């Protein structure tokens, strides 16, 4: 089942299968996490003891669950979309269709999901600039602004190494960016990492940044069970409207409040929920064994 999000921001989707996806987060004790794709471990991570960030190690085994996007297909979507909102919605539906068919490599599993166009409100646009400058296979993602160094502050973590801007594949996407037909990239919210990971569009990301701007994005997230947040928005609106009506304010001011409610509800609907994590079979001992084998020499110790 699929429905449009308020304001045309994207779509919500209810998946009935599978119970356990091919691309999934697994967790062990002590803040240890990993992302598995089919039988491959694609990323290992460990949260800091003070919950200010997470250390990670990519293994190089990740592959996109989406089929390749041809230049001709990108051009057709652009040419048949009357405006940017329709263009974004068409790509959002395509991503949802493709992930629905990606049984062994995709993250969808039973439950409610959102595919939302655009970055979340908490993201910081300047963080994009760091992405192609500092993106090590073994690194650290800082949370809550505790950046040391500042390059650890990021909103997006690629699941494989980014291709240099001068590579042939990226140059082809750069031509599409200059022509205004570059497709958006697909991001996935992983709450255990407290960041968005790049599911599809690594080369498109580099191309967009090389051409002077961040890429358009679609964000996949488990739907937030946001009844409390929705109720807070509506109750706040009711209190403000009662106050304003008693003060006999102009109708234009009441319209502003109504638009504010619509924006607040839309934000609540697209809020990112908690990512389901399955247990690592073998627990912490198996996670440590995998870290030694897949990322030899990596410092997995906790970081403040």
Foldseek 3Di string as FASTA:
>chain_A
DKDAFFPLQEIKDFDADDQFAQWAKADFPQQWIFTGQNPRTAKTWGAFPVRFWIKMAGQQPADFLADDDDPVNLVVLVVPAPDPSSSQHVLRVVVVVSLVPSRRGHGDGGAMKTWGWDDAPVADFVLLVLCLVDQDNIDMAGPPPPPDPVSNDHQEHESHDADDCPDPVLVVLLVCVVVVRRHAWEWEDAVSRPHIYTRDQSSNQSSQVVNPHGGTYIYMAGWAPQPVQLVVLVVVLVVVVVVCVVVVDDVVVNVVSVVVSSVSNSSNGNDHHHGDHHHDVVHPVVSVVCCCVSPNPRDRHHDD
